[in-house]
Amino acid sequence: MKNIALITGASTGIGKELAYIHAQKGGDLVIVARRVEKLEELKKELTEKYSVKVMIIEKDLIKSHAPKEVYDEVKNAGIEIDYLINNAGFGGLGKFHERNWQDDLNMINLNIVALTALTRFFLPDFVKRNSGKILNVSSTASFMPGPLQAVYFATKAYVTFFSNAIAEELHDTNISVTALMPGATETEFGKVSGMDKTTMFDKTFSAKGVASDAYNGMLKGKLDVVTGVSFMQKMMFGMLPFMPKKLKLKTIRKMQEVK
């Protein structure tokens, strides 16, 4: 295998589109997700259309031991990862004290713990050879607190700040770390989280377009890639630092209330 990208959450949405983009460029893949049947379908499509090699790892990254198992499977296969793409994640709508705690704990484990662990396991190999790129999928949610999605917004703030921090730690290497911050995107996320019933998801952007911006930004070694946002949303994000916090929280809450 050559020019290998490992992509988590590769069975659907942005992760799947990133796999297509990488395969189109002739790169081989390690694709990771829970739904092995989706991975098998994707592998068949990519190998037949682009003649690339694809390794499947069926893994539930919510489980604490899963990231190390992914790393070990890759190493045992003699594979050297060039691009680590931490895409797997999910959200959930509702008041924090009313939501199911296990769901929020799973969210923290996937969005934060698994992403951090995979980065920690693979990064020393990157440093040793002084090459490699990391793309961590965050969200525009990382710009602000998120009433009615308190845990999700907080996890994405972690992803952005963690990614930026280690990028600076690696400033004197040939390794880059990019944080992807998409807005509302046409994926399973909206339906699973319940956000598809809110005004925040009135206008969504294609997963393909978001993935293209993300991949190109990663190749260029950009620190942040903000994509999938409307002109009005860009204006709002620009105003956020100047808004009184209570007004900011109220505005975000109203945008996330079910219509």
Foldseek 3Di string as FASTA:
>chain_A
DPQEEEFEPCLWFLNVLLVVVCLQVVYEYEYEEQDVVSVVVSQVVSCVPRVHHYHYDHFDQLDLCGLVVVLVVCVVVVHQHAEYELDDAAFAFAAPVPDDPVVLSSRCSRLPVSVVSNCVSRVVVCVVVQHHEYEYEAAPLLLAAAGRGRSNSVSSVCRLVVQLVVQVVCVVTHYAGEYEHEFAAPICRCVVRVQCQFQSVPDWYYSNVSSVQRVVCRVVRHHYGYDGDDPVVVVVSVCVVVDDNVVVRVVNNNRRDGD
